[in-house]
Amino acid sequence: MKEIIPKPKSKFLKVCCPKCKNEQIIFNRSSSHVKCLVCGFELAEPTGGKARIKAKVIQVL
């Protein structure tokens, strides 16, 4: 059965920085580099579609 209102395929992710263990919420299809707010480690890099996540995903929101 076809959905009347399609659900979005993009999500927000709660990730943990591997360097300083800071928890941060990021977008899984980000179009820019996402860095940790505490230490500056790059958490995600854009690829044209879904971002390449370089941190541990704790929760999908």
PDB file of N, CA and C in Angstrom:
ATOM      1  N   MET A   1       0.828  -1.177   0.000  1.00  0.00           N
ATOM      2  CA  MET A   1       0.000   0.000   0.000  1.00  0.00           C
ATOM      3  C   MET A   1       0.876   1.245   0.000  1.00  0.00           C
ATOM      4  N   LYS A   2       0.547   2.205  -0.820  1.00  0.00           N
ATOM      5  CA  LYS A   2       1.335   3.415  -0.969  1.00  0.00           C
ATOM      6  C   LYS A   2       1.003   4.409   0.156  1.00  0.00           C
ATOM      7  N   GLU A   3       2.059   5.048   0.685  1.00  0.00           N
ATOM      8  CA  GLU A   3       1.860   6.024   1.748  1.00  0.00           C
ATOM      9  C   GLU A   3       1.295   7.312   1.173  1.00  0.00           C
ATOM     10  N   ILE A   4       0.357   7.901   1.871  1.00  0.00           N
ATOM     11  CA  ILE A   4      -0.226   9.161   1.423  1.00  0.00           C
ATOM     12  C   ILE A   4       0.765  10.300   1.648  1.00  0.00           C
ATOM     13  N   ILE A   5       1.335  10.344   2.857  1.00  0.00           N
ATOM     14  CA  ILE A   5       2.355  11.349   3.168  1.00  0.00           C
ATOM     15  C   ILE A   5       3.654  10.604   3.440  1.00  0.00           C
ATOM     16  N   PRO A   6       4.651  10.712   2.553  1.00  0.00           N
ATOM     17  CA  PRO A   6       5.893   9.973   2.755  1.00  0.00           C
ATOM     18  C   PRO A   6       6.692  10.534   3.935  1.00  0.00           C
ATOM     19  N   LYS A   7       7.360   9.639   4.662  1.00  0.00           N
ATOM     20  CA  LYS A   7       8.192  10.035   5.792  1.00  0.00           C
ATOM     21  C   LYS A   7       9.554  10.474   5.270  1.00  0.00           C
ATOM     22  N   PRO A   8      10.196  11.443   5.919  1.00  0.00           N
ATOM     23  CA  PRO A   8      11.521  11.867   5.474  1.00  0.00           C
ATOM     24  C   PRO A   8      12.563  10.774   5.706  1.00  0.00           C
ATOM     25  N   LYS A   9      13.555  10.698   4.824  1.00  0.00           N
ATOM     26  CA  LYS A   9      14.591   9.684   4.929  1.00  0.00           C
ATOM     27  C   LYS A   9      15.782  10.179   5.737  1.00  0.00           C
ATOM     28  N   SER A  10      15.819  11.470   6.026  1.00  0.00           N
ATOM     29  CA  SER A  10      16.927  12.030   6.793  1.00  0.00           C
ATOM     30  C   SER A  10      16.563  12.076   8.274  1.00  0.00           C
ATOM     31  N   LYS A  11      17.593  11.995   9.117  1.00  0.00           N
ATOM     32  CA  LYS A  11      17.386  11.951  10.555  1.00  0.00           C
ATOM     33  C   LYS A  11      18.468  12.752  11.266  1.00  0.00           C
ATOM     34  N   PHE A  12      18.200  13.063  12.526  1.00  0.00           N
ATOM     35  CA  PHE A  12      19.204  13.652  13.389  1.00  0.00           C
ATOM     36  C   PHE A  12      19.838  12.529  14.199  1.00  0.00           C
ATOM     37  N   LEU A  13      21.133  12.643  14.455  1.00  0.00           N
ATOM     38  CA  LEU A  13      21.868  11.612  15.173  1.00  0.00           C
ATOM     39  C   LEU A  13      22.535  12.211  16.401  1.00  0.00           C
ATOM     40  N   LYS A  14      22.488  11.487  17.506  1.00  0.00           N
ATOM     41  CA  LYS A  14      23.236  11.875  18.695  1.00  0.00           C
ATOM     42  C   LYS A  14      24.522  11.064  18.650  1.00  0.00           C
ATOM     43  N   VAL A  15      25.664  11.745  18.560  1.00  0.00           N
ATOM     44  CA  VAL A  15      26.946  11.069  18.407  1.00  0.00           C
ATOM     45  C   VAL A  15      27.864  11.412  19.574  1.00  0.00           C
ATOM     46  N   CYS A  16      28.860  10.565  19.780  1.00  0.00           N
ATOM     47  CA  CYS A  16      29.861  10.757  20.824  1.00  0.00           C
ATOM     48  C   CYS A  16      31.219  10.954  20.156  1.00  0.00           C
ATOM     49  N   CYS A  17      31.887  12.043  20.473  1.00  0.00           N
ATOM     50  CA  CYS A  17      33.206  12.339  19.896  1.00  0.00           C
ATOM     51  C   CYS A  17      34.211  11.310  20.404  1.00  0.00           C
ATOM     52  N   PRO A  18      34.996  10.684  19.509  1.00  0.00           N
ATOM     53  CA  PRO A  18      35.962   9.674  19.949  1.00  0.00           C
ATOM     54  C   PRO A  18      37.154  10.272  20.699  1.00  0.00           C
ATOM     55  N   LYS A  19      37.374  11.557  20.549  1.00  0.00           N
ATOM     56  CA  LYS A  19      38.536  12.198  21.163  1.00  0.00           C
ATOM     57  C   LYS A  19      38.244  12.666  22.592  1.00  0.00           C
ATOM     58  N   CYS A  20      37.130  13.403  22.783  1.00  0.00           N
ATOM     59  CA  CYS A  20      36.850  14.008  24.096  1.00  0.00           C
ATOM     60  C   CYS A  20      35.581  13.485  24.748  1.00  0.00           C
ATOM     61  N   LYS A  21      34.865  12.556  24.098  1.00  0.00           N
ATOM     62  CA  LYS A  21      33.635  11.941  24.612  1.00  0.00           C
ATOM     63  C   LYS A  21      32.478  12.933  24.776  1.00  0.00           C
ATOM     64  N   ASN A  22      32.513  14.047  24.065  1.00  0.00           N
ATOM     65  CA  ASN A  22      31.417  15.007  24.083  1.00  0.00           C
ATOM     66  C   ASN A  22      30.267  14.459  23.246  1.00  0.00           C
ATOM     67  N   GLU A  23      29.027  14.575  23.756  1.00  0.00           N
ATOM     68  CA  GLU A  23      27.849  14.141  23.012  1.00  0.00           C
ATOM     69  C   GLU A  23      27.258  15.340  22.290  1.00  0.00           C
ATOM     70  N   GLN A  24      26.929  15.144  21.016  1.00  0.00           N
ATOM     71  CA  GLN A  24      26.452  16.239  20.172  1.00  0.00           C
ATOM     72  C   GLN A  24      25.414  15.701  19.204  1.00  0.00           C
ATOM     73  N   ILE A  25      24.451  16.539  18.828  1.00  0.00           N
ATOM     74  CA  ILE A  25      23.414  16.153  17.875  1.00  0.00           C
ATOM     75  C   ILE A  25      23.774  16.737  16.509  1.00  0.00           C
ATOM     76  N   ILE A  26      23.813  15.863  15.474  1.00  0.00           N
ATOM     77  CA  ILE A  26      24.152  16.303  14.117  1.00  0.00           C
ATOM     78  C   ILE A  26      23.103  15.767  13.140  1.00  0.00           C
ATOM     79  N   PHE A  27      23.100  16.304  11.930  1.00  0.00           N
ATOM     80  CA  PHE A  27      22.190  15.895  10.866  1.00  0.00           C
ATOM     81  C   PHE A  27      22.889  14.859  10.004  1.00  0.00           C
ATOM     82  N   ASN A  28      22.204  13.775   9.629  1.00  0.00           N
ATOM     83  CA  ASN A  28      22.886  12.706   8.893  1.00  0.00           C
ATOM     84  C   ASN A  28      23.113  13.032   7.419  1.00  0.00           C
ATOM     85  N   ARG A  29      22.483  14.068   6.890  1.00  0.00           N
ATOM     86  CA  ARG A  29      22.709  14.469   5.496  1.00  0.00           C
ATOM     87  C   ARG A  29      23.275  15.891   5.443  1.00  0.00           C
ATOM     88  N   SER A  30      24.226  16.174   6.308  1.00  0.00           N
ATOM     89  CA  SER A  30      24.788  17.526   6.366  1.00  0.00           C
ATOM     90  C   SER A  30      25.581  17.836   5.099  1.00  0.00           C
ATOM     91  N   SER A  31      25.521  19.079   4.674  1.00  0.00           N
ATOM     92  CA  SER A  31      26.203  19.500   3.449  1.00  0.00           C
ATOM     93  C   SER A  31      27.488  20.273   3.758  1.00  0.00           C
ATOM     94  N   SER A  32      27.889  20.302   5.012  1.00  0.00           N
ATOM     95  CA  SER A  32      29.138  20.957   5.397  1.00  0.00           C
ATOM     96  C   SER A  32      29.838  20.098   6.450  1.00  0.00           C
ATOM     97  N   HIS A  33      31.109  20.377   6.674  1.00  0.00           N
ATOM     98  CA  HIS A  33      31.879  19.637   7.666  1.00  0.00           C
ATOM     99  C   HIS A  33      31.342  19.969   9.058  1.00  0.00           C
ATOM    100  N   VAL A  34      31.136  18.944   9.878  1.00  0.00           N
ATOM    101  CA  VAL A  34      30.638  19.126  11.241  1.00  0.00           C
ATOM    102  C   VAL A  34      31.768  18.790  12.194  1.00  0.00           C
ATOM    103  N   LYS A  35      32.103  19.750  13.066  1.00  0.00           N
ATOM    104  CA  LYS A  35      33.192  19.554  14.018  1.00  0.00           C
ATOM    105  C   LYS A  35      32.650  19.533  15.440  1.00  0.00           C
ATOM    106  N   CYS A  36      33.393  18.878  16.326  1.00  0.00           N
ATOM    107  CA  CYS A  36      33.044  18.829  17.738  1.00  0.00           C
ATOM    108  C   CYS A  36      33.152  20.236  18.314  1.00  0.00           C
ATOM    109  N   LEU A  37      32.180  20.610  19.136  1.00  0.00           N
ATOM    110  CA  LEU A  37      32.162  21.946  19.717  1.00  0.00           C
ATOM    111  C   LEU A  37      33.207  22.129  20.809  1.00  0.00           C
ATOM    112  N   VAL A  38      33.717  21.029  21.378  1.00  0.00           N
ATOM    113  CA  VAL A  38      34.685  21.110  22.466  1.00  0.00           C
ATOM    114  C   VAL A  38      36.125  21.054  21.949  1.00  0.00           C
ATOM    115  N   CYS A  39      36.449  19.994  21.180  1.00  0.00           N
ATOM    116  CA  CYS A  39      37.854  19.801  20.779  1.00  0.00           C
ATOM    117  C   CYS A  39      38.128  20.107  19.306  1.00  0.00           C
ATOM    118  N   GLY A  40      37.104  20.224  18.467  1.00  0.00           N
ATOM    119  CA  GLY A  40      37.308  20.545  17.060  1.00  0.00           C
ATOM    120  C   GLY A  40      37.519  19.346  16.155  1.00  0.00           C
ATOM    121  N   PHE A  41      37.376  18.122  16.675  1.00  0.00           N
ATOM    122  CA  PHE A  41      37.512  16.916  15.864  1.00  0.00           C
ATOM    123  C   PHE A  41      36.380  16.856  14.842  1.00  0.00           C
ATOM    124  N   GLU A  42      36.678  16.440  13.606  1.00  0.00           N
ATOM    125  CA  GLU A  42      35.655  16.376  12.563  1.00  0.00           C
ATOM    126  C   GLU A  42      34.757  15.157  12.778  1.00  0.00           C
ATOM    127  N   LEU A  43      33.481  15.401  13.055  1.00  0.00           N
ATOM    128  CA  LEU A  43      32.526  14.335  13.324  1.00  0.00           C
ATOM    129  C   LEU A  43      31.881  13.797  12.059  1.00  0.00           C
ATOM    130  N   ALA A  44      31.682  14.652  11.047  1.00  0.00           N
ATOM    131  CA  ALA A  44      31.032  14.228   9.806  1.00  0.00           C
ATOM    132  C   ALA A  44      31.547  15.058   8.642  1.00  0.00           C
ATOM    133  N   GLU A  45      31.676  14.415   7.485  1.00  0.00           N
ATOM    134  CA  GLU A  45      32.080  15.132   6.275  1.00  0.00           C
ATOM    135  C   GLU A  45      31.054  14.876   5.179  1.00  0.00           C
ATOM    136  N   PRO A  46      30.752  15.884   4.376  1.00  0.00           N
ATOM    137  CA  PRO A  46      29.729  15.720   3.329  1.00  0.00           C
ATOM    138  C   PRO A  46      30.227  14.842   2.189  1.00  0.00           C
ATOM    139  N   THR A  47      29.294  14.101   1.563  1.00  0.00           N
ATOM    140  CA  THR A  47      29.653  13.258   0.419  1.00  0.00           C
ATOM    141  C   THR A  47      28.746  13.505  -0.778  1.00  0.00           C
ATOM    142  N   GLY A  48      27.774  14.391  -0.649  1.00  0.00           N
ATOM    143  CA  GLY A  48      26.835  14.643  -1.722  1.00  0.00           C
ATOM    144  C   GLY A  48      25.458  14.114  -1.401  1.00  0.00           C
ATOM    145  N   GLY A  49      25.384  13.105  -0.558  1.00  0.00           N
ATOM    146  CA  GLY A  49      24.118  12.539  -0.093  1.00  0.00           C
ATOM    147  C   GLY A  49      24.184  12.474   1.414  1.00  0.00           C
ATOM    148  N   LYS A  50      24.261  11.259   1.920  1.00  0.00           N
ATOM    149  CA  LYS A  50      24.441  11.095   3.364  1.00  0.00           C
ATOM    150  C   LYS A  50      25.867  11.474   3.733  1.00  0.00           C
ATOM    151  N   ALA A  51      26.015  12.090   4.900  1.00  0.00           N
ATOM    152  CA  ALA A  51      27.346  12.473   5.369  1.00  0.00           C
ATOM    153  C   ALA A  51      28.085  11.240   5.878  1.00  0.00           C
ATOM    154  N   ARG A  52      29.414  11.257   5.796  1.00  0.00           N
ATOM    155  CA  ARG A  52      30.231  10.171   6.327  1.00  0.00           C
ATOM    156  C   ARG A  52      30.457  10.479   7.809  1.00  0.00           C
ATOM    157  N   ILE A  53      29.871   9.680   8.681  1.00  0.00           N
ATOM    158  CA  ILE A  53      29.938   9.897  10.121  1.00  0.00           C
ATOM    159  C   ILE A  53      31.218   9.248  10.651  1.00  0.00           C
ATOM    160  N   LYS A  54      32.050  10.038  11.353  1.00  0.00           N
ATOM    161  CA  LYS A  54      33.318   9.539  11.878  1.00  0.00           C
ATOM    162  C   LYS A  54      33.273   9.350  13.385  1.00  0.00           C
ATOM    163  N   ALA A  55      32.113   9.502  13.995  1.00  0.00           N
ATOM    164  CA  ALA A  55      31.945   9.356  15.424  1.00  0.00           C
ATOM    165  C   ALA A  55      30.999   8.203  15.706  1.00  0.00           C
ATOM    166  N   LYS A  56      30.943   7.781  16.968  1.00  0.00           N
ATOM    167  CA  LYS A  56      30.048   6.688  17.362  1.00  0.00           C
ATOM    168  C   LYS A  56      28.635   7.216  17.505  1.00  0.00           C
ATOM    169  N   VAL A  57      27.684   6.581  16.811  1.00  0.00           N
ATOM    170  CA  VAL A  57      26.288   6.978  16.885  1.00  0.00           C
ATOM    171  C   VAL A  57      25.681   6.362  18.135  1.00  0.00           C
ATOM    172  N   ILE A  58      25.156   7.216  19.017  1.00  0.00           N
ATOM    173  CA  ILE A  58      24.557   6.750  20.263  1.00  0.00           C
ATOM    174  C   ILE A  58      23.069   6.506  20.080  1.00  0.00           C
ATOM    175  N   GLN A  59      22.392   7.434  19.385  1.00  0.00           N
ATOM    176  CA  GLN A  59      20.935   7.354  19.258  1.00  0.00           C
ATOM    177  C   GLN A  59      20.502   8.021  17.964  1.00  0.00           C
ATOM    178  N   VAL A  60      19.456   7.469  17.342  1.00  0.00           N
ATOM    179  CA  VAL A  60      18.850   8.067  16.168  1.00  0.00           C
ATOM    180  C   VAL A  60      17.587   8.785  16.638  1.00  0.00           C
ATOM    181  N   LEU A  61      17.511  10.086  16.370  1.00  0.00           N
ATOM    182  CA  LEU A  61      16.375  10.882  16.845  1.00  0.00           C
ATOM    183  C   LEU A  61      15.374  11.100  15.743  1.00  0.00           C
TER     184      LEU A  61
END
